[in-house]
Amino acid sequence: MIAQKPKLVVGISGASGVMYGVRALDACRDLGVETHLVVSRAALLTLAQETSLTAGDLTAKADATYKVADVGAAIASGSFRTLGMIVAPCSVRTMSEIATGVTSSLLTRAADVTLKERRPLVLMVRETPLHLGHLRTMVRLAEMGAVLAPPVPAFYAQPQTLADMVDQSVGRALDLFGLSWSAVRRWGESIPPLHGPNR
């Protein structure tokens, strides 16, 4: 029997930081992971605002792409086996819809399926500052089994560019699926730990 490539669902919502999703697709291609992409309408607006990429450039990075309204797509079913799903970036609206379980698009339906099947759901939430409603929604999602992984810069990795910071955040999020991307700088490996009384 031919071994199948691992599959990961990648959702890109309309929050600022569309490059997190772009680089997640690039990383999966590097790692030999088959990607199944769903992009919100707002994300396409953000793509045009924040990058020089077209919608076609973005979808070309994925192995399979689905229309956001196609709630009958493969990734809407729990019988379609995947490693899980990452939403990068994840808007507050998308986060809130997932938390309620009342899903109106393929993006949030696929996330809901990921949760019900007890697969990893990683949400790279992009919002600040957070009010109490946001925090309560995050608690609810954590209780449901989602992982909240805001893309926080890791300055210990000594990034030289914005691209370095994006890649570190994406790579650390992919760690949560058991995927190890070479772009990640790791404490104690590529980054020697600090020693001494001032640590």
Foldseek 3Di string as FASTA:
>chain_A
DDDDAAEEEEEEEQDAQSVLSQVLLVQCVVQRYAYEYEYDPNNQVNCVVPHPDHPVNSCVSHNHYDYFAPCVDPLLDLVNDHQAYEYGAAELVLLQCLLVLPDRTNRSSSNVSRLVNLHEYEYQYDDPDDDPVSVVSVVSVVVSPYHYQHQDFDCLLVDPDPVLSSNQSSQVSVVVSVDHGPSHQDDVPNRDDDDDDVD
